[in-house]
Amino acid sequence: MTSNPNDTSARLMTLAAKRFRVDASTLAPEDDFFEKLQIDSLQALELLSDVEEAFGVEIPDYELQGVVTFAALAAKIDVRRV
């Protein structure tokens, strides 16, 4: 199943906005989610758990090194969904 990266980014930003109670319209794919959502690494793990459940994927920790933008995370999700 292939997916449009823009669709994945949009779903990801909506999911993050809901979890951290921010307006999804203020988020952009190129945003650093740590800065934009004002979250720490523990909260990022909670988001990852939500992501894995919502998208039906499992992303190993080593694949997430250096991933800080919604677009980069969406790309990791899409690779796992294929």
PDB file of N, CA and C in Angstrom:
ATOM      1  N   MET A   1       0.848  -1.190   0.000  1.00  0.00           N
ATOM      2  CA  MET A   1       0.000   0.000   0.000  1.00  0.00           C
ATOM      3  C   MET A   1       0.883   1.238   0.000  1.00  0.00           C
ATOM      4  N   THR A   2       0.843   1.986  -1.061  1.00  0.00           N
ATOM      5  CA  THR A   2       1.611   3.215  -1.106  1.00  0.00           C
ATOM      6  C   THR A   2       0.735   4.360  -0.641  1.00  0.00           C
ATOM      7  N   SER A   3       1.398   5.395  -0.172  1.00  0.00           N
ATOM      8  CA  SER A   3       0.662   6.515   0.392  1.00  0.00           C
ATOM      9  C   SER A   3       1.285   7.816  -0.079  1.00  0.00           C
ATOM     10  N   ASN A   4       0.503   8.835  -0.157  1.00  0.00           N
ATOM     11  CA  ASN A   4       0.988  10.160  -0.495  1.00  0.00           C
ATOM     12  C   ASN A   4       1.641  10.751   0.750  1.00  0.00           C
ATOM     13  N   PRO A   5       2.916  11.161   0.655  1.00  0.00           N
ATOM     14  CA  PRO A   5       3.588  11.723   1.831  1.00  0.00           C
ATOM     15  C   PRO A   5       2.859  12.917   2.431  1.00  0.00           C
ATOM     16  N   ASN A   6       2.189  13.705   1.577  1.00  0.00           N
ATOM     17  CA  ASN A   6       1.446  14.847   2.094  1.00  0.00           C
ATOM     18  C   ASN A   6       0.272  14.392   2.954  1.00  0.00           C
ATOM     19  N   ASP A   7      -0.397  13.311   2.531  1.00  0.00           N
ATOM     20  CA  ASP A   7      -1.495  12.763   3.327  1.00  0.00           C
ATOM     21  C   ASP A   7      -0.979  12.247   4.666  1.00  0.00           C
ATOM     22  N   THR A   8       0.159  11.560   4.631  1.00  0.00           N
ATOM     23  CA  THR A   8       0.732  11.022   5.865  1.00  0.00           C
ATOM     24  C   THR A   8       1.129  12.154   6.794  1.00  0.00           C
ATOM     25  N   SER A   9       1.768  13.176   6.258  1.00  0.00           N
ATOM     26  CA  SER A   9       2.152  14.333   7.078  1.00  0.00           C
ATOM     27  C   SER A   9       0.928  14.993   7.701  1.00  0.00           C
ATOM     28  N   ALA A  10      -0.117  15.150   6.905  1.00  0.00           N
ATOM     29  CA  ALA A  10      -1.341  15.780   7.408  1.00  0.00           C
ATOM     30  C   ALA A  10      -1.959  14.950   8.535  1.00  0.00           C
ATOM     31  N   ARG A  11      -2.033  13.643   8.334  1.00  0.00           N
ATOM     32  CA  ARG A  11      -2.577  12.769   9.385  1.00  0.00           C
ATOM     33  C   ARG A  11      -1.705  12.815  10.630  1.00  0.00           C
ATOM     34  N   LEU A  12      -0.401  12.825  10.427  1.00  0.00           N
ATOM     35  CA  LEU A  12       0.541  12.870  11.536  1.00  0.00           C
ATOM     36  C   LEU A  12       0.396  14.165  12.336  1.00  0.00           C
ATOM     37  N   MET A  13       0.289  15.279  11.638  1.00  0.00           N
ATOM     38  CA  MET A  13       0.145  16.571  12.318  1.00  0.00           C
ATOM     39  C   MET A  13      -1.185  16.646  13.064  1.00  0.00           C
ATOM     40  N   THR A  14      -2.242  16.090  12.490  1.00  0.00           N
ATOM     41  CA  THR A  14      -3.536  16.061  13.171  1.00  0.00           C
ATOM     42  C   THR A  14      -3.452  15.230  14.441  1.00  0.00           C
ATOM     43  N   LEU A  15      -2.790  14.088  14.349  1.00  0.00           N
ATOM     44  CA  LEU A  15      -2.607  13.218  15.503  1.00  0.00           C
ATOM     45  C   LEU A  15      -1.808  13.922  16.599  1.00  0.00           C
ATOM     46  N   ALA A  16      -0.726  14.575  16.219  1.00  0.00           N
ATOM     47  CA  ALA A  16       0.116  15.287  17.181  1.00  0.00           C
ATOM     48  C   ALA A  16      -0.649  16.450  17.812  1.00  0.00           C
ATOM     49  N   ALA A  17      -1.402  17.173  16.991  1.00  0.00           N
ATOM     50  CA  ALA A  17      -2.173  18.313  17.498  1.00  0.00           C
ATOM     51  C   ALA A  17      -3.192  17.859  18.531  1.00  0.00           C
ATOM     52  N   LYS A  18      -3.824  16.739  18.255  1.00  0.00           N
ATOM     53  CA  LYS A  18      -4.824  16.217  19.194  1.00  0.00           C
ATOM     54  C   LYS A  18      -4.168  15.805  20.517  1.00  0.00           C
ATOM     55  N   ARG A  19      -3.057  15.068  20.431  1.00  0.00           N
ATOM     56  CA  ARG A  19      -2.388  14.601  21.644  1.00  0.00           C
ATOM     57  C   ARG A  19      -1.902  15.756  22.512  1.00  0.00           C
ATOM     58  N   PHE A  20      -1.321  16.780  21.879  1.00  0.00           N
ATOM     59  CA  PHE A  20      -0.697  17.866  22.636  1.00  0.00           C
ATOM     60  C   PHE A  20      -1.541  19.138  22.670  1.00  0.00           C
ATOM     61  N   ARG A  21      -2.785  19.010  22.222  1.00  0.00           N
ATOM     62  CA  ARG A  21      -3.775  20.088  22.315  1.00  0.00           C
ATOM     63  C   ARG A  21      -3.275  21.402  21.709  1.00  0.00           C
ATOM     64  N   VAL A  22      -2.874  21.296  20.447  1.00  0.00           N
ATOM     65  CA  VAL A  22      -2.508  22.494  19.701  1.00  0.00           C
ATOM     66  C   VAL A  22      -3.361  22.541  18.445  1.00  0.00           C
ATOM     67  N   ASP A  23      -3.422  23.697  17.822  1.00  0.00           N
ATOM     68  CA  ASP A  23      -4.190  23.875  16.595  1.00  0.00           C
ATOM     69  C   ASP A  23      -3.398  23.271  15.435  1.00  0.00           C
ATOM     70  N   ALA A  24      -3.947  22.271  14.791  1.00  0.00           N
ATOM     71  CA  ALA A  24      -3.261  21.585  13.693  1.00  0.00           C
ATOM     72  C   ALA A  24      -2.903  22.541  12.562  1.00  0.00           C
ATOM     73  N   SER A  25      -3.668  23.596  12.396  1.00  0.00           N
ATOM     74  CA  SER A  25      -3.386  24.542  11.306  1.00  0.00           C
ATOM     75  C   SER A  25      -2.103  25.331  11.548  1.00  0.00           C
ATOM     76  N   THR A  26      -1.563  25.295  12.756  1.00  0.00           N
ATOM     77  CA  THR A  26      -0.312  25.994  13.057  1.00  0.00           C
ATOM     78  C   THR A  26       0.906  25.122  12.773  1.00  0.00           C
ATOM     79  N   LEU A  27       0.685  23.865  12.387  1.00  0.00           N
ATOM     80  CA  LEU A  27       1.778  22.934  12.140  1.00  0.00           C
ATOM     81  C   LEU A  27       2.050  22.795  10.649  1.00  0.00           C
ATOM     82  N   ALA A  28       3.323  22.611  10.307  1.00  0.00           N
ATOM     83  CA  ALA A  28       3.736  22.411   8.914  1.00  0.00           C
ATOM     84  C   ALA A  28       4.672  21.214   8.841  1.00  0.00           C
ATOM     85  N   PRO A  29       4.703  20.522   7.699  1.00  0.00           N
ATOM     86  CA  PRO A  29       5.537  19.325   7.572  1.00  0.00           C
ATOM     87  C   PRO A  29       7.007  19.551   7.928  1.00  0.00           C
ATOM     88  N   GLU A  30       7.538  20.729   7.633  1.00  0.00           N
ATOM     89  CA  GLU A  30       8.954  20.990   7.890  1.00  0.00           C
ATOM     90  C   GLU A  30       9.248  21.434   9.331  1.00  0.00           C
ATOM     91  N   ASP A  31       8.213  21.560  10.146  1.00  0.00           N
ATOM     92  CA  ASP A  31       8.410  21.962  11.544  1.00  0.00           C
ATOM     93  C   ASP A  31       9.153  20.893  12.335  1.00  0.00           C
ATOM     94  N   ASP A  32      10.029  21.352  13.221  1.00  0.00           N
ATOM     95  CA  ASP A  32      10.669  20.491  14.210  1.00  0.00           C
ATOM     96  C   ASP A  32       9.608  20.242  15.281  1.00  0.00           C
ATOM     97  N   PHE A  33       9.160  18.993  15.396  1.00  0.00           N
ATOM     98  CA  PHE A  33       8.044  18.745  16.311  1.00  0.00           C
ATOM     99  C   PHE A  33       8.422  18.931  17.774  1.00  0.00           C
ATOM    100  N   PHE A  34       9.689  18.765  18.134  1.00  0.00           N
ATOM    101  CA  PHE A  34      10.101  19.024  19.518  1.00  0.00           C
ATOM    102  C   PHE A  34       9.896  20.497  19.850  1.00  0.00           C
ATOM    103  N   GLU A  35      10.332  21.375  18.948  1.00  0.00           N
ATOM    104  CA  GLU A  35      10.203  22.812  19.180  1.00  0.00           C
ATOM    105  C   GLU A  35       8.759  23.280  19.046  1.00  0.00           C
ATOM    106  N   LYS A  36       8.114  22.861  17.967  1.00  0.00           N
ATOM    107  CA  LYS A  36       6.768  23.367  17.683  1.00  0.00           C
ATOM    108  C   LYS A  36       5.746  22.911  18.728  1.00  0.00           C
ATOM    109  N   LEU A  37       5.875  21.661  19.179  1.00  0.00           N
ATOM    110  CA  LEU A  37       4.929  21.137  20.170  1.00  0.00           C
ATOM    111  C   LEU A  37       5.423  21.358  21.602  1.00  0.00           C
ATOM    112  N   GLN A  38       6.655  21.830  21.726  1.00  0.00           N
ATOM    113  CA  GLN A  38       7.286  22.035  23.033  1.00  0.00           C
ATOM    114  C   GLN A  38       7.238  20.751  23.859  1.00  0.00           C
ATOM    115  N   ILE A  39       7.770  19.667  23.248  1.00  0.00           N
ATOM    116  CA  ILE A  39       7.756  18.369  23.916  1.00  0.00           C
ATOM    117  C   ILE A  39       9.176  17.888  24.189  1.00  0.00           C
ATOM    118  N   ASP A  40       9.285  16.950  25.112  1.00  0.00           N
ATOM    119  CA  ASP A  40      10.572  16.337  25.409  1.00  0.00           C
ATOM    120  C   ASP A  40      10.598  14.928  24.817  1.00  0.00           C
ATOM    121  N   SER A  41      11.684  14.213  25.044  1.00  0.00           N
ATOM    122  CA  SER A  41      11.844  12.897  24.413  1.00  0.00           C
ATOM    123  C   SER A  41      10.810  11.891  24.921  1.00  0.00           C
ATOM    124  N   LEU A  42      10.403  11.988  26.170  1.00  0.00           N
ATOM    125  CA  LEU A  42       9.382  11.080  26.692  1.00  0.00           C
ATOM    126  C   LEU A  42       8.044  11.324  25.999  1.00  0.00           C
ATOM    127  N   GLN A  43       7.708  12.573  25.814  1.00  0.00           N
ATOM    128  CA  GLN A  43       6.467  12.898  25.111  1.00  0.00           C
ATOM    129  C   GLN A  43       6.553  12.482  23.637  1.00  0.00           C
ATOM    130  N   ALA A  44       7.743  12.562  23.052  1.00  0.00           N
ATOM    131  CA  ALA A  44       7.919  12.108  21.673  1.00  0.00           C
ATOM    132  C   ALA A  44       7.679  10.604  21.576  1.00  0.00           C
ATOM    133  N   LEU A  45       8.088   9.851  22.591  1.00  0.00           N
ATOM    134  CA  LEU A  45       7.829   8.413  22.612  1.00  0.00           C
ATOM    135  C   LEU A  45       6.333   8.130  22.703  1.00  0.00           C
ATOM    136  N   GLU A  46       5.611   8.932  23.467  1.00  0.00           N
ATOM    137  CA  GLU A  46       4.154   8.783  23.552  1.00  0.00           C
ATOM    138  C   GLU A  46       3.526   9.039  22.188  1.00  0.00           C
ATOM    139  N   LEU A  47       4.028  10.065  21.494  1.00  0.00           N
ATOM    140  CA  LEU A  47       3.530  10.360  20.154  1.00  0.00           C
ATOM    141  C   LEU A  47       3.844   9.200  19.219  1.00  0.00           C
ATOM    142  N   LEU A  48       5.034   8.655  19.319  1.00  0.00           N
ATOM    143  CA  LEU A  48       5.412   7.527  18.467  1.00  0.00           C
ATOM    144  C   LEU A  48       4.485   6.336  18.701  1.00  0.00           C
ATOM    145  N   SER A  49       4.125   6.092  19.944  1.00  0.00           N
ATOM    146  CA  SER A  49       3.194   5.009  20.255  1.00  0.00           C
ATOM    147  C   SER A  49       1.846   5.257  19.570  1.00  0.00           C
ATOM    148  N   ASP A  50       1.370   6.492  19.624  1.00  0.00           N
ATOM    149  CA  ASP A  50       0.122   6.858  18.933  1.00  0.00           C
ATOM    150  C   ASP A  50       0.258   6.637  17.429  1.00  0.00           C
ATOM    151  N   VAL A  51       1.395   7.048  16.889  1.00  0.00           N
ATOM    152  CA  VAL A  51       1.651   6.931  15.452  1.00  0.00           C
ATOM    153  C   VAL A  51       1.640   5.468  15.027  1.00  0.00           C
ATOM    154  N   GLU A  52       2.350   4.635  15.776  1.00  0.00           N
ATOM    155  CA  GLU A  52       2.422   3.216  15.426  1.00  0.00           C
ATOM    156  C   GLU A  52       1.040   2.573  15.441  1.00  0.00           C
ATOM    157  N   GLU A  53       0.232   2.954  16.410  1.00  0.00           N
ATOM    158  CA  GLU A  53      -1.125   2.407  16.485  1.00  0.00           C
ATOM    159  C   GLU A  53      -2.006   2.941  15.354  1.00  0.00           C
ATOM    160  N   ALA A  54      -1.959   4.237  15.127  1.00  0.00           N
ATOM    161  CA  ALA A  54      -2.823   4.853  14.113  1.00  0.00           C
ATOM    162  C   ALA A  54      -2.482   4.414  12.694  1.00  0.00           C
ATOM    163  N   PHE A  55      -1.191   4.215  12.424  1.00  0.00           N
ATOM    164  CA  PHE A  55      -0.766   3.873  11.064  1.00  0.00           C
ATOM    165  C   PHE A  55      -0.506   2.387  10.881  1.00  0.00           C
ATOM    166  N   GLY A  56      -0.599   1.609  11.958  1.00  0.00           N
ATOM    167  CA  GLY A  56      -0.380   0.173  11.857  1.00  0.00           C
ATOM    168  C   GLY A  56       1.046  -0.197  11.482  1.00  0.00           C
ATOM    169  N   VAL A  57       2.009   0.548  12.028  1.00  0.00           N
ATOM    170  CA  VAL A  57       3.422   0.297  11.739  1.00  0.00           C
ATOM    171  C   VAL A  57       4.197   0.158  13.047  1.00  0.00           C
ATOM    172  N   GLU A  58       5.398  -0.402  12.922  1.00  0.00           N
ATOM    173  CA  GLU A  58       6.327  -0.435  14.042  1.00  0.00           C
ATOM    174  C   GLU A  58       7.646   0.116  13.528  1.00  0.00           C
ATOM    175  N   ILE A  59       8.103   1.194  14.145  1.00  0.00           N
ATOM    176  CA  ILE A  59       9.329   1.854  13.702  1.00  0.00           C
ATOM    177  C   ILE A  59      10.399   1.668  14.774  1.00  0.00           C
ATOM    178  N   PRO A  60      11.473   0.957  14.444  1.00  0.00           N
ATOM    179  CA  PRO A  60      12.535   0.751  15.425  1.00  0.00           C
ATOM    180  C   PRO A  60      13.196   2.075  15.834  1.00  0.00           C
ATOM    181  N   ASP A  61      13.607   2.152  17.086  1.00  0.00           N
ATOM    182  CA  ASP A  61      14.238   3.373  17.606  1.00  0.00           C
ATOM    183  C   ASP A  61      15.413   3.838  16.754  1.00  0.00           C
ATOM    184  N   TYR A  62      16.236   2.882  16.289  1.00  0.00           N
ATOM    185  CA  TYR A  62      17.431   3.279  15.524  1.00  0.00           C
ATOM    186  C   TYR A  62      17.081   4.007  14.227  1.00  0.00           C
ATOM    187  N   GLU A  63      15.879   3.781  13.698  1.00  0.00           N
ATOM    188  CA  GLU A  63      15.471   4.471  12.475  1.00  0.00           C
ATOM    189  C   GLU A  63      15.032   5.912  12.744  1.00  0.00           C
ATOM    190  N   LEU A  64      14.858   6.244  13.997  1.00  0.00           N
ATOM    191  CA  LEU A  64      14.354   7.569  14.343  1.00  0.00           C
ATOM    192  C   LEU A  64      15.454   8.543  14.758  1.00  0.00           C
ATOM    193  N   GLN A  65      16.701   8.073  14.754  1.00  0.00           N
ATOM    194  CA  GLN A  65      17.806   8.965  15.085  1.00  0.00           C
ATOM    195  C   GLN A  65      17.831  10.141  14.119  1.00  0.00           C
ATOM    196  N   GLY A  66      17.778  11.347  14.646  1.00  0.00           N
ATOM    197  CA  GLY A  66      17.827  12.540  13.815  1.00  0.00           C
ATOM    198  C   GLY A  66      16.514  12.938  13.160  1.00  0.00           C
ATOM    199  N   VAL A  67      15.465  12.167  13.381  1.00  0.00           N
ATOM    200  CA  VAL A  67      14.154  12.499  12.809  1.00  0.00           C
ATOM    201  C   VAL A  67      13.466  13.490  13.749  1.00  0.00           C
ATOM    202  N   VAL A  68      13.315  14.728  13.283  1.00  0.00           N
ATOM    203  CA  VAL A  68      12.710  15.757  14.136  1.00  0.00           C
ATOM    204  C   VAL A  68      11.595  16.543  13.455  1.00  0.00           C
ATOM    205  N   THR A  69      11.377  16.292  12.155  1.00  0.00           N
ATOM    206  CA  THR A  69      10.302  17.016  11.475  1.00  0.00           C
ATOM    207  C   THR A  69       9.142  16.080  11.165  1.00  0.00           C
ATOM    208  N   PHE A  70       7.974  16.666  11.013  1.00  0.00           N
ATOM    209  CA  PHE A  70       6.798  15.868  10.656  1.00  0.00           C
ATOM    210  C   PHE A  70       7.018  15.176   9.310  1.00  0.00           C
ATOM    211  N   ALA A  71       7.633  15.875   8.359  1.00  0.00           N
ATOM    212  CA  ALA A  71       7.865  15.298   7.032  1.00  0.00           C
ATOM    213  C   ALA A  71       8.798  14.091   7.110  1.00  0.00           C
ATOM    214  N   ALA A  72       9.850  14.212   7.907  1.00  0.00           N
ATOM    215  CA  ALA A  72      10.803  13.093   8.037  1.00  0.00           C
ATOM    216  C   ALA A  72      10.143  11.893   8.702  1.00  0.00           C
ATOM    217  N   LEU A  73       9.327  12.150   9.715  1.00  0.00           N
ATOM    218  CA  LEU A  73       8.627  11.050  10.380  1.00  0.00           C
ATOM    219  C   LEU A  73       7.603  10.432   9.430  1.00  0.00           C
ATOM    220  N   ALA A  74       6.931  11.264   8.657  1.00  0.00           N
ATOM    221  CA  ALA A  74       5.964  10.750   7.672  1.00  0.00           C
ATOM    222  C   ALA A  74       6.658   9.832   6.661  1.00  0.00           C
ATOM    223  N   ALA A  75       7.869  10.196   6.256  1.00  0.00           N
ATOM    224  CA  ALA A  75       8.621   9.363   5.311  1.00  0.00           C
ATOM    225  C   ALA A  75       8.941   8.004   5.927  1.00  0.00           C
ATOM    226  N   LYS A  76       9.290   7.977   7.208  1.00  0.00           N
ATOM    227  CA  LYS A  76       9.574   6.710   7.899  1.00  0.00           C
ATOM    228  C   LYS A  76       8.306   5.866   7.981  1.00  0.00           C
ATOM    229  N   ILE A  77       7.185   6.504   8.230  1.00  0.00           N
ATOM    230  CA  ILE A  77       5.913   5.802   8.296  1.00  0.00           C
ATOM    231  C   ILE A  77       5.595   5.189   6.934  1.00  0.00           C
ATOM    232  N   ASP A  78       5.745   5.974   5.878  1.00  0.00           N
ATOM    233  CA  ASP A  78       5.413   5.489   4.530  1.00  0.00           C
ATOM    234  C   ASP A  78       6.290   4.302   4.124  1.00  0.00           C
ATOM    235  N   VAL A  79       7.551   4.318   4.491  1.00  0.00           N
ATOM    236  CA  VAL A  79       8.442   3.199   4.169  1.00  0.00           C
ATOM    237  C   VAL A  79       7.941   1.927   4.842  1.00  0.00           C
ATOM    238  N   ARG A  80       7.464   2.046   6.060  1.00  0.00           N
ATOM    239  CA  ARG A  80       6.971   0.887   6.816  1.00  0.00           C
ATOM    240  C   ARG A  80       5.623   0.414   6.321  1.00  0.00           C
ATOM    241  N   ARG A  81       4.851   1.261   5.688  1.00  0.00           N
ATOM    242  CA  ARG A  81       3.497   0.895   5.245  1.00  0.00           C
ATOM    243  C   ARG A  81       3.478   0.207   3.898  1.00  0.00           C
ATOM    244  N   VAL A  82       4.563   0.247   3.178  1.00  0.00           N
ATOM    245  CA  VAL A  82       4.601  -0.324   1.821  1.00  0.00           C
ATOM    246  C   VAL A  82       4.449  -1.826   1.864  1.00  0.00           C
TER     247      VAL A  82
END
